[in-house]
Amino acid sequence: MILAAVAIFWLCDSVSKRRKSIGTLVLIVLVSSCILFGVGTHVWMLEKDCQMWSGEELEVAEWVRDNTASDAVFLTGSAHNHPIPSLSGRQRVMGYEGWLWSHGMNWTCINARKNAEIEMYKGDYTLVKAYGVDYVCICAHERAFASDNHFVINYSAFDDPTRFDLQFDEVVDGGCCRIYEVK
């Protein structure tokens, strides 16, 4: 914004008196273009359906709020818009990497935590206990996390009744969503 204002003042100052009318015309075209594109962008944004969470994800967050302790720790994918931390206020093992980095966390520490999450989803129960995880969520965000990080979630590890207790099993946004309580 500041650079645009500087450029306009520079254009006005650099144009000689003979070319003042050309400079004025260019300035009018630039300002009109900015207004036109700004209005077009706002119209496009108003027509576009920008949905952060589906109704089913809202229900998952409501279930979490109603059925888990307020200080419960969840193992989830690291999506910025995950409904459990965003809508239920529950803690998770690791948040969105971009936000953690931009708030000054060391990238090496972030990667170490992400690698630990990957190992937990591969079935490392020792890490689940070491990180104080109370619940494990496996929904669309976790499947995307696995795909993005090139690993496969070990679903059979979470079917072990001596370690995990299935608390929530619903279809959310066309896919299975499960929440396991850690024993």
N, C-alpha and C. Protein backbone atom coordinates (compact mmCIF):
# COMPACT_ATOMS: atom_id res chain seq x y z
N MET A 1 0.82 -1.17 0.00
CA MET A 1 0.00 0.00 0.00
C MET A 1 0.88 1.24 0.00
N ILE A 2 1.87 1.27 0.86
CA ILE A 2 2.76 2.42 0.93
C ILE A 2 3.55 2.54 -0.36
N LEU A 3 4.02 1.42 -0.89
CA LEU A 3 4.78 1.47 -2.15
C LEU A 3 3.92 1.97 -3.30
N ALA A 4 2.64 1.63 -3.30
CA ALA A 4 1.74 2.11 -4.35
C ALA A 4 1.61 3.63 -4.27
N ALA A 5 1.47 4.17 -3.06
CA ALA A 5 1.37 5.61 -2.89
C ALA A 5 2.66 6.30 -3.33
N VAL A 6 3.81 5.74 -2.98
CA VAL A 6 5.10 6.30 -3.39
C VAL A 6 5.21 6.29 -4.91
N ALA A 7 4.79 5.21 -5.54
CA ALA A 7 4.85 5.11 -6.99
C ALA A 7 3.97 6.16 -7.65
N ILE A 8 2.80 6.40 -7.10
CA ILE A 8 1.90 7.42 -7.67
C ILE A 8 2.51 8.81 -7.52
N PHE A 9 3.07 9.12 -6.35
CA PHE A 9 3.71 10.43 -6.17
C PHE A 9 4.92 10.58 -7.09
N TRP A 10 5.69 9.51 -7.25
CA TRP A 10 6.85 9.55 -8.14
C TRP A 10 6.40 9.82 -9.57
N LEU A 11 5.33 9.15 -10.00
CA LEU A 11 4.80 9.34 -11.35
C LEU A 11 4.37 10.79 -11.56
N CYS A 12 3.69 11.36 -10.56
CA CYS A 12 3.24 12.74 -10.69
C CYS A 12 4.42 13.71 -10.73
N ASP A 13 5.44 13.48 -9.92
CA ASP A 13 6.60 14.37 -9.88
C ASP A 13 7.48 14.25 -11.11
N SER A 14 7.57 13.04 -11.67
CA SER A 14 8.50 12.82 -12.77
C SER A 14 7.94 13.25 -14.13
N VAL A 15 6.66 13.43 -14.22
CA VAL A 15 6.06 13.84 -15.49
C VAL A 15 6.27 15.34 -15.67
N SER A 16 6.78 15.72 -16.84
CA SER A 16 7.00 17.15 -17.11
C SER A 16 5.67 17.86 -17.26
N LYS A 17 5.70 19.17 -17.26
CA LYS A 17 4.47 19.96 -17.34
C LYS A 17 3.74 19.70 -18.64
N ARG A 18 4.48 19.42 -19.74
CA ARG A 18 3.84 19.14 -21.03
C ARG A 18 3.04 17.85 -20.96
N ARG A 19 3.57 16.93 -20.22
CA ARG A 19 2.93 15.60 -20.18
C ARG A 19 2.03 15.44 -18.95
N LYS A 20 1.70 16.53 -18.30
CA LYS A 20 0.85 16.47 -17.11
C LYS A 20 -0.49 15.80 -17.44
N SER A 21 -1.05 16.09 -18.59
CA SER A 21 -2.34 15.50 -18.93
C SER A 21 -2.21 13.99 -19.14
N ILE A 22 -1.09 13.53 -19.71
CA ILE A 22 -0.87 12.08 -19.88
C ILE A 22 -0.70 11.43 -18.50
N GLY A 23 0.06 12.08 -17.64
CA GLY A 23 0.25 11.56 -16.29
C GLY A 23 -1.05 11.49 -15.52
N THR A 24 -1.88 12.51 -15.68
CA THR A 24 -3.19 12.53 -15.03
C THR A 24 -4.06 11.39 -15.55
N LEU A 25 -4.03 11.18 -16.86
CA LEU A 25 -4.80 10.10 -17.47
C LEU A 25 -4.33 8.73 -16.96
N VAL A 26 -3.00 8.54 -16.89
CA VAL A 26 -2.45 7.28 -16.38
C VAL A 26 -2.86 7.08 -14.93
N LEU A 27 -2.81 8.13 -14.15
CA LEU A 27 -3.20 8.05 -12.74
C LEU A 27 -4.68 7.67 -12.61
N ILE A 28 -5.53 8.27 -13.41
CA ILE A 28 -6.96 7.95 -13.37
C ILE A 28 -7.19 6.49 -13.76
N VAL A 29 -6.47 6.02 -14.80
CA VAL A 29 -6.61 4.61 -15.22
C VAL A 29 -6.14 3.67 -14.10
N LEU A 30 -5.01 3.98 -13.45
CA LEU A 30 -4.51 3.13 -12.37
C LEU A 30 -5.49 3.07 -11.19
N VAL A 31 -5.97 4.22 -10.77
CA VAL A 31 -6.89 4.25 -9.64
C VAL A 31 -8.19 3.54 -10.00
N SER A 32 -8.70 3.78 -11.19
CA SER A 32 -9.94 3.11 -11.63
C SER A 32 -9.75 1.60 -11.70
N SER A 33 -8.59 1.16 -12.20
CA SER A 33 -8.31 -0.28 -12.27
C SER A 33 -8.27 -0.90 -10.88
N CYS A 34 -7.63 -0.20 -9.96
CA CYS A 34 -7.56 -0.72 -8.58
C CYS A 34 -8.96 -0.86 -7.99
N ILE A 35 -9.79 0.13 -8.20
CA ILE A 35 -11.16 0.08 -7.67
C ILE A 35 -11.93 -1.06 -8.33
N LEU A 36 -11.82 -1.18 -9.67
CA LEU A 36 -12.55 -2.22 -10.40
C LEU A 36 -12.12 -3.61 -9.93
N PHE A 37 -10.83 -3.85 -9.83
CA PHE A 37 -10.35 -5.17 -9.40
C PHE A 37 -10.70 -5.44 -7.94
N GLY A 38 -10.69 -4.42 -7.11
CA GLY A 38 -11.07 -4.58 -5.71
C GLY A 38 -12.54 -4.98 -5.57
N VAL A 39 -13.41 -4.29 -6.32
CA VAL A 39 -14.83 -4.62 -6.30
C VAL A 39 -15.04 -6.04 -6.84
N GLY A 40 -14.35 -6.37 -7.93
CA GLY A 40 -14.47 -7.72 -8.51
C GLY A 40 -14.05 -8.80 -7.52
N THR A 41 -13.00 -8.56 -6.80
CA THR A 41 -12.53 -9.52 -5.80
C THR A 41 -13.57 -9.71 -4.70
N HIS A 42 -14.13 -8.63 -4.22
CA HIS A 42 -15.14 -8.73 -3.16
C HIS A 42 -16.40 -9.43 -3.65
N VAL A 43 -16.82 -9.16 -4.87
CA VAL A 43 -18.00 -9.85 -5.42
C VAL A 43 -17.72 -11.34 -5.51
N TRP A 44 -16.52 -11.71 -5.98
CA TRP A 44 -16.15 -13.13 -6.09
C TRP A 44 -16.15 -13.79 -4.72
N MET A 45 -15.61 -13.10 -3.71
CA MET A 45 -15.54 -13.67 -2.37
C MET A 45 -16.93 -13.84 -1.77
N LEU A 46 -17.86 -12.92 -2.06
CA LEU A 46 -19.21 -13.04 -1.53
C LEU A 46 -19.97 -14.19 -2.17
N GLU A 47 -19.68 -14.49 -3.44
CA GLU A 47 -20.36 -15.57 -4.13
C GLU A 47 -19.76 -16.93 -3.83
N LYS A 48 -18.50 -16.97 -3.46
CA LYS A 48 -17.81 -18.23 -3.19
C LYS A 48 -18.21 -18.74 -1.81
N ASP A 49 -18.43 -20.03 -1.72
CA ASP A 49 -18.79 -20.65 -0.45
C ASP A 49 -17.50 -21.05 0.28
N CYS A 50 -17.09 -20.24 1.21
CA CYS A 50 -15.87 -20.51 1.98
C CYS A 50 -16.29 -21.09 3.32
N GLN A 51 -16.28 -22.40 3.40
CA GLN A 51 -16.72 -23.09 4.61
C GLN A 51 -15.51 -23.63 5.34
N MET A 52 -15.40 -23.28 6.59
CA MET A 52 -14.28 -23.73 7.40
C MET A 52 -14.53 -25.13 7.96
N TRP A 53 -15.73 -25.37 8.49
CA TRP A 53 -16.07 -26.66 9.07
C TRP A 53 -17.45 -27.08 8.59
N SER A 54 -17.60 -28.38 8.34
CA SER A 54 -18.90 -28.91 7.94
C SER A 54 -19.78 -29.07 9.19
N GLY A 55 -21.06 -29.29 8.97
CA GLY A 55 -21.97 -29.53 10.09
C GLY A 55 -21.57 -30.77 10.87
N GLU A 56 -21.07 -31.78 10.15
CA GLU A 56 -20.64 -33.01 10.83
C GLU A 56 -19.40 -32.76 11.70
N GLU A 57 -18.48 -31.91 11.23
CA GLU A 57 -17.31 -31.58 12.04
C GLU A 57 -17.72 -30.79 13.28
N LEU A 58 -18.74 -29.95 13.14
CA LEU A 58 -19.27 -29.24 14.31
C LEU A 58 -19.82 -30.23 15.33
N GLU A 59 -20.46 -31.29 14.85
CA GLU A 59 -20.99 -32.32 15.75
C GLU A 59 -19.86 -33.08 16.45
N VAL A 60 -18.76 -33.35 15.73
CA VAL A 60 -17.61 -34.01 16.35
C VAL A 60 -17.07 -33.14 17.49
N ALA A 61 -16.90 -31.86 17.21
CA ALA A 61 -16.39 -30.94 18.24
C ALA A 61 -17.34 -30.87 19.43
N GLU A 62 -18.64 -30.88 19.17
CA GLU A 62 -19.62 -30.86 20.26
C GLU A 62 -19.53 -32.14 21.08
N TRP A 63 -19.36 -33.29 20.41
CA TRP A 63 -19.21 -34.55 21.13
C TRP A 63 -17.97 -34.50 22.02
N VAL A 64 -16.87 -33.97 21.48
CA VAL A 64 -15.62 -33.87 22.25
C VAL A 64 -15.84 -32.98 23.47
N ARG A 65 -16.48 -31.84 23.28
CA ARG A 65 -16.75 -30.94 24.43
C ARG A 65 -17.61 -31.61 25.49
N ASP A 66 -18.60 -32.37 25.05
CA ASP A 66 -19.54 -32.99 25.99
C ASP A 66 -19.00 -34.26 26.66
N ASN A 67 -18.03 -34.93 26.05
CA ASN A 67 -17.64 -36.26 26.52
C ASN A 67 -16.19 -36.41 26.92
N THR A 68 -15.41 -35.34 26.89
CA THR A 68 -14.01 -35.43 27.31
C THR A 68 -13.69 -34.32 28.28
N ALA A 69 -12.68 -34.55 29.10
CA ALA A 69 -12.26 -33.55 30.07
C ALA A 69 -11.69 -32.33 29.34
N SER A 70 -11.86 -31.17 29.93
CA SER A 70 -11.41 -29.94 29.29
C SER A 70 -9.89 -29.87 29.15
N ASP A 71 -9.17 -30.65 29.96
CA ASP A 71 -7.71 -30.65 29.86
C ASP A 71 -7.17 -31.88 29.12
N ALA A 72 -8.04 -32.59 28.41
CA ALA A 72 -7.63 -33.78 27.66
C ALA A 72 -6.69 -33.40 26.52
N VAL A 73 -5.73 -34.28 26.26
CA VAL A 73 -4.77 -34.09 25.18
C VAL A 73 -5.10 -35.06 24.06
N PHE A 74 -5.21 -34.52 22.85
CA PHE A 74 -5.59 -35.31 21.67
C PHE A 74 -4.41 -35.47 20.73
N LEU A 75 -4.29 -36.65 20.16
CA LEU A 75 -3.38 -36.88 19.05
C LEU A 75 -4.21 -36.67 17.79
N THR A 76 -3.87 -35.64 17.02
CA THR A 76 -4.59 -35.32 15.79
C THR A 76 -3.58 -35.00 14.70
N GLY A 77 -4.07 -34.85 13.49
CA GLY A 77 -3.24 -34.31 12.43
C GLY A 77 -2.95 -32.85 12.73
N SER A 78 -2.02 -32.27 12.00
CA SER A 78 -1.60 -30.91 12.32
C SER A 78 -2.29 -29.84 11.49
N ALA A 79 -3.46 -30.12 10.93
CA ALA A 79 -4.17 -29.15 10.11
C ALA A 79 -4.52 -27.91 10.93
N HIS A 80 -4.46 -26.74 10.31
CA HIS A 80 -4.77 -25.50 11.01
C HIS A 80 -6.25 -25.39 11.36
N ASN A 81 -7.10 -26.10 10.61
CA ASN A 81 -8.54 -25.99 10.82
C ASN A 81 -9.15 -27.26 11.40
N HIS A 82 -8.37 -27.99 12.16
CA HIS A 82 -8.90 -29.22 12.77
C HIS A 82 -9.98 -28.84 13.78
N PRO A 83 -11.15 -29.50 13.72
CA PRO A 83 -12.26 -29.09 14.59
C PRO A 83 -12.05 -29.35 16.08
N ILE A 84 -11.22 -30.31 16.43
CA ILE A 84 -11.08 -30.62 17.86
C ILE A 84 -10.39 -29.48 18.61
N PRO A 85 -9.21 -29.04 18.22
CA PRO A 85 -8.64 -27.91 18.97
C PRO A 85 -9.35 -26.59 18.67
N SER A 86 -9.81 -26.43 17.43
CA SER A 86 -10.41 -25.16 17.03
C SER A 86 -11.77 -24.92 17.67
N LEU A 87 -12.60 -25.94 17.73
CA LEU A 87 -13.98 -25.75 18.18
C LEU A 87 -14.27 -26.30 19.57
N SER A 88 -13.47 -27.27 20.03
CA SER A 88 -13.74 -27.81 21.37
C SER A 88 -12.76 -27.28 22.40
N GLY A 89 -11.69 -26.65 21.94
CA GLY A 89 -10.73 -26.07 22.87
C GLY A 89 -9.81 -27.07 23.53
N ARG A 90 -9.74 -28.28 23.01
CA ARG A 90 -8.87 -29.29 23.61
C ARG A 90 -7.45 -29.14 23.08
N GLN A 91 -6.50 -29.52 23.94
CA GLN A 91 -5.09 -29.48 23.54
C GLN A 91 -4.79 -30.64 22.60
N ARG A 92 -3.75 -30.47 21.80
CA ARG A 92 -3.29 -31.57 20.98
C ARG A 92 -1.78 -31.66 21.05
N VAL A 93 -1.26 -32.79 20.65
CA VAL A 93 0.18 -33.04 20.75
C VAL A 93 0.97 -31.98 20.00
N MET A 94 0.51 -31.65 18.79
CA MET A 94 1.20 -30.62 18.01
C MET A 94 0.20 -29.88 17.15
N GLY A 95 0.34 -28.58 17.08
CA GLY A 95 -0.51 -27.75 16.24
C GLY A 95 0.04 -27.64 14.83
N TYR A 96 -0.47 -26.69 14.11
CA TYR A 96 -0.08 -26.44 12.73
C TYR A 96 1.37 -25.94 12.68
N GLU A 97 2.20 -26.62 11.88
CA GLU A 97 3.63 -26.33 11.85
C GLU A 97 3.93 -24.88 11.47
N GLY A 98 3.19 -24.33 10.52
CA GLY A 98 3.42 -22.96 10.08
C GLY A 98 3.23 -21.95 11.20
N TRP A 99 2.21 -22.17 12.02
CA TRP A 99 1.98 -21.26 13.14
C TRP A 99 3.05 -21.43 14.21
N LEU A 100 3.44 -22.67 14.46
CA LEU A 100 4.47 -22.91 15.48
C LEU A 100 5.77 -22.23 15.08
N TRP A 101 6.15 -22.38 13.80
CA TRP A 101 7.38 -21.77 13.32
C TRP A 101 7.30 -20.24 13.37
N SER A 102 6.16 -19.70 12.94
CA SER A 102 6.03 -18.24 12.91
C SER A 102 5.98 -17.63 14.31
N HIS A 103 5.71 -18.45 15.31
CA HIS A 103 5.72 -17.97 16.70
C HIS A 103 7.06 -18.23 17.38
N GLY A 104 8.06 -18.61 16.59
CA GLY A 104 9.41 -18.70 17.12
C GLY A 104 9.87 -20.07 17.57
N MET A 105 9.07 -21.10 17.38
CA MET A 105 9.54 -22.43 17.77
C MET A 105 10.62 -22.90 16.80
N ASN A 106 11.59 -23.57 17.32
CA ASN A 106 12.69 -24.10 16.53
C ASN A 106 12.18 -25.18 15.57
N TRP A 107 12.56 -25.06 14.29
CA TRP A 107 12.08 -25.99 13.28
C TRP A 107 12.52 -27.42 13.57
N THR A 108 13.68 -27.60 14.17
CA THR A 108 14.15 -28.94 14.54
C THR A 108 13.22 -29.57 15.58
N CYS A 109 12.79 -28.77 16.55
CA CYS A 109 11.85 -29.26 17.57
C CYS A 109 10.50 -29.60 16.95
N ILE A 110 10.05 -28.77 16.02
CA ILE A 110 8.78 -29.01 15.35
C ILE A 110 8.84 -30.33 14.59
N ASN A 111 9.92 -30.55 13.85
CA ASN A 111 10.07 -31.79 13.08
C ASN A 111 10.17 -33.01 14.00
N ALA A 112 10.84 -32.85 15.13
CA ALA A 112 10.94 -33.97 16.09
C ALA A 112 9.55 -34.33 16.61
N ARG A 113 8.75 -33.33 16.92
CA ARG A 113 7.39 -33.57 17.42
C ARG A 113 6.54 -34.21 16.33
N LYS A 114 6.68 -33.72 15.09
CA LYS A 114 5.91 -34.29 13.98
C LYS A 114 6.31 -35.74 13.74
N ASN A 115 7.60 -36.04 13.81
CA ASN A 115 8.05 -37.43 13.65
C ASN A 115 7.51 -38.32 14.76
N ALA A 116 7.41 -37.77 15.97
CA ALA A 116 6.82 -38.54 17.07
C ALA A 116 5.35 -38.82 16.79
N GLU A 117 4.63 -37.83 16.27
CA GLU A 117 3.21 -38.03 15.91
C GLU A 117 3.08 -39.13 14.86
N ILE A 118 3.96 -39.09 13.87
CA ILE A 118 3.92 -40.11 12.81
C ILE A 118 4.11 -41.49 13.42
N GLU A 119 5.08 -41.62 14.31
CA GLU A 119 5.33 -42.92 14.95
C GLU A 119 4.14 -43.36 15.80
N MET A 120 3.47 -42.41 16.46
CA MET A 120 2.29 -42.76 17.24
C MET A 120 1.19 -43.30 16.33
N TYR A 121 0.99 -42.66 15.18
CA TYR A 121 -0.02 -43.15 14.25
C TYR A 121 0.38 -44.46 13.59
N LYS A 122 1.66 -44.77 13.62
CA LYS A 122 2.11 -46.08 13.13
C LYS A 122 1.94 -47.15 14.20
N GLY A 123 1.59 -46.74 15.43
CA GLY A 123 1.28 -47.71 16.47
C GLY A 123 2.21 -47.70 17.66
N ASP A 124 3.08 -46.72 17.83
CA ASP A 124 4.02 -46.67 18.95
C ASP A 124 3.29 -46.21 20.22
N TYR A 125 2.83 -47.18 20.99
CA TYR A 125 2.07 -46.92 22.21
C TYR A 125 2.94 -46.26 23.29
N THR A 126 4.23 -46.58 23.32
CA THR A 126 5.14 -45.98 24.29
C THR A 126 5.18 -44.47 24.13
N LEU A 127 5.22 -43.98 22.89
CA LEU A 127 5.22 -42.54 22.65
C LEU A 127 3.86 -41.92 23.01
N VAL A 128 2.79 -42.65 22.74
CA VAL A 128 1.45 -42.15 23.10
C VAL A 128 1.41 -41.87 24.60
N LYS A 129 1.92 -42.79 25.40
CA LYS A 129 1.94 -42.61 26.85
C LYS A 129 2.94 -41.52 27.26
N ALA A 130 4.10 -41.49 26.61
CA ALA A 130 5.13 -40.50 26.96
C ALA A 130 4.65 -39.07 26.71
N TYR A 131 3.84 -38.86 25.69
CA TYR A 131 3.33 -37.52 25.38
C TYR A 131 2.04 -37.20 26.14
N GLY A 132 1.57 -38.11 26.97
CA GLY A 132 0.39 -37.84 27.78
C GLY A 132 -0.89 -37.75 26.98
N VAL A 133 -0.97 -38.51 25.90
CA VAL A 133 -2.15 -38.49 25.04
C VAL A 133 -3.32 -39.17 25.75
N ASP A 134 -4.46 -38.50 25.77
CA ASP A 134 -5.67 -39.07 26.36
C ASP A 134 -6.59 -39.67 25.30
N TYR A 135 -6.59 -39.06 24.11
CA TYR A 135 -7.47 -39.51 23.02
C TYR A 135 -6.71 -39.46 21.69
N VAL A 136 -7.04 -40.40 20.82
CA VAL A 136 -6.46 -40.44 19.47
C VAL A 136 -7.61 -40.25 18.48
N CYS A 137 -7.45 -39.30 17.60
CA CYS A 137 -8.46 -39.03 16.58
C CYS A 137 -7.95 -39.53 15.23
N ILE A 138 -8.77 -40.27 14.53
CA ILE A 138 -8.46 -40.70 13.17
C ILE A 138 -9.66 -40.35 12.29
N CYS A 139 -9.54 -39.23 11.60
CA CYS A 139 -10.59 -38.74 10.71
C CYS A 139 -9.93 -38.29 9.41
N ALA A 140 -10.62 -37.48 8.64
CA ALA A 140 -10.10 -37.02 7.35
C ALA A 140 -8.80 -36.22 7.51
N HIS A 141 -8.71 -35.40 8.54
CA HIS A 141 -7.50 -34.59 8.73
C HIS A 141 -6.28 -35.47 9.01
N GLU A 142 -6.50 -36.55 9.72
CA GLU A 142 -5.38 -37.46 10.03
C GLU A 142 -4.98 -38.26 8.79
N ARG A 143 -5.96 -38.66 7.99
CA ARG A 143 -5.62 -39.36 6.75
C ARG A 143 -4.85 -38.44 5.81
N ALA A 144 -5.23 -37.17 5.77
CA ALA A 144 -4.49 -36.19 4.95
C ALA A 144 -3.08 -35.99 5.51
N PHE A 145 -2.95 -35.94 6.83
CA PHE A 145 -1.65 -35.81 7.49
C PHE A 145 -0.75 -36.99 7.11
N ALA A 146 -1.32 -38.19 7.12
CA ALA A 146 -0.55 -39.39 6.74
C ALA A 146 -0.14 -39.33 5.27
N SER A 147 -1.05 -38.95 4.43
CA SER A 147 -0.74 -38.85 3.00
C SER A 147 0.33 -37.80 2.74
N ASP A 148 0.19 -36.64 3.36
CA ASP A 148 1.16 -35.55 3.17
C ASP A 148 2.55 -35.92 3.66
N ASN A 149 2.61 -36.79 4.68
CA ASN A 149 3.90 -37.17 5.26
C ASN A 149 4.34 -38.57 4.85
N HIS A 150 3.66 -39.14 3.87
CA HIS A 150 4.06 -40.41 3.23
C HIS A 150 4.19 -41.58 4.21
N PHE A 151 3.14 -41.78 5.00
CA PHE A 151 3.10 -42.96 5.85
C PHE A 151 1.67 -43.48 5.90
N VAL A 152 1.51 -44.67 6.44
CA VAL A 152 0.20 -45.31 6.54
C VAL A 152 -0.17 -45.45 8.01
N ILE A 153 -1.37 -45.02 8.35
CA ILE A 153 -1.85 -45.16 9.72
C ILE A 153 -2.08 -46.64 10.00
N ASN A 154 -1.57 -47.10 11.13
CA ASN A 154 -1.73 -48.50 11.54
C ASN A 154 -3.05 -48.63 12.32
N TYR A 155 -4.14 -48.82 11.58
CA TYR A 155 -5.46 -48.90 12.21
C TYR A 155 -5.56 -50.05 13.20
N SER A 156 -4.90 -51.15 12.91
CA SER A 156 -5.00 -52.32 13.79
C SER A 156 -4.39 -52.05 15.17
N ALA A 157 -3.42 -51.16 15.25
CA ALA A 157 -2.82 -50.84 16.55
C ALA A 157 -3.85 -50.22 17.48
N PHE A 158 -4.81 -49.49 16.93
CA PHE A 158 -5.80 -48.81 17.75
C PHE A 158 -7.00 -49.70 18.08
N ASP A 159 -7.02 -50.88 17.48
CA ASP A 159 -8.08 -51.85 17.79
C ASP A 159 -7.71 -52.75 18.97
N ASP A 160 -6.53 -52.52 19.57
CA ASP A 160 -6.08 -53.30 20.72
C ASP A 160 -6.85 -52.85 21.97
N PRO A 161 -7.76 -53.69 22.47
CA PRO A 161 -8.61 -53.27 23.60
C PRO A 161 -7.85 -53.11 24.92
N THR A 162 -6.62 -53.59 25.00
CA THR A 162 -5.85 -53.40 26.22
C THR A 162 -5.21 -52.01 26.26
N ARG A 163 -5.17 -51.33 25.13
CA ARG A 163 -4.53 -50.01 25.05
C ARG A 163 -5.48 -48.88 24.69
N PHE A 164 -6.49 -49.20 23.88
CA PHE A 164 -7.39 -48.16 23.39
C PHE A 164 -8.84 -48.61 23.50
N ASP A 165 -9.70 -47.64 23.74
CA ASP A 165 -11.14 -47.90 23.83
C ASP A 165 -11.85 -46.97 22.84
N LEU A 166 -12.49 -47.54 21.84
CA LEU A 166 -13.19 -46.76 20.83
C LEU A 166 -14.38 -46.03 21.47
N GLN A 167 -14.36 -44.72 21.43
CA GLN A 167 -15.40 -43.90 22.05
C GLN A 167 -16.36 -43.27 21.04
N PHE A 168 -15.85 -43.00 19.85
CA PHE A 168 -16.65 -42.31 18.83
C PHE A 168 -16.37 -42.96 17.49
N ASP A 169 -17.42 -43.34 16.77
CA ASP A 169 -17.27 -43.99 15.47
C ASP A 169 -18.44 -43.56 14.59
N GLU A 170 -18.23 -42.53 13.80
CA GLU A 170 -19.29 -41.99 12.95
C GLU A 170 -18.73 -41.71 11.56
N VAL A 171 -19.62 -41.57 10.61
CA VAL A 171 -19.23 -41.13 9.27
C VAL A 171 -19.30 -39.61 9.28
N VAL A 172 -18.16 -39.00 8.94
CA VAL A 172 -18.06 -37.54 8.90
C VAL A 172 -17.54 -37.14 7.53
N ASP A 173 -18.31 -36.32 6.84
CA ASP A 173 -17.94 -35.84 5.50
C ASP A 173 -17.60 -36.99 4.56
N GLY A 174 -18.37 -38.07 4.64
CA GLY A 174 -18.21 -39.20 3.74
C GLY A 174 -17.12 -40.18 4.13
N GLY A 175 -16.44 -39.95 5.23
CA GLY A 175 -15.38 -40.85 5.68
C GLY A 175 -15.56 -41.21 7.15
N CYS A 176 -14.90 -42.27 7.53
CA CYS A 176 -14.97 -42.74 8.91
C CYS A 176 -14.21 -41.80 9.83
N CYS A 177 -14.79 -41.52 10.97
CA CYS A 177 -14.13 -40.71 11.99
C CYS A 177 -14.20 -41.48 13.30
N ARG A 178 -13.03 -41.76 13.85
CA ARG A 178 -12.97 -42.51 15.10
C ARG A 178 -12.15 -41.75 16.13
N ILE A 179 -12.61 -41.81 17.36
CA ILE A 179 -11.86 -41.25 18.47
C ILE A 179 -11.70 -42.35 19.51
N TYR A 180 -10.46 -42.62 19.86
CA TYR A 180 -10.12 -43.67 20.80
C TYR A 180 -9.64 -43.03 22.10
N GLU A 181 -10.09 -43.59 23.23
CA GLU A 181 -9.56 -43.18 24.53
C GLU A 181 -8.36 -44.06 24.83
N VAL A 182 -7.29 -43.44 25.30
CA VAL A 182 -6.07 -44.18 25.65
C VAL A 182 -6.24 -44.72 27.06
N LYS A 183 -5.98 -46.03 27.23
CA LYS A 183 -6.10 -46.66 28.54
C LYS A 183 -4.80 -46.50 29.32
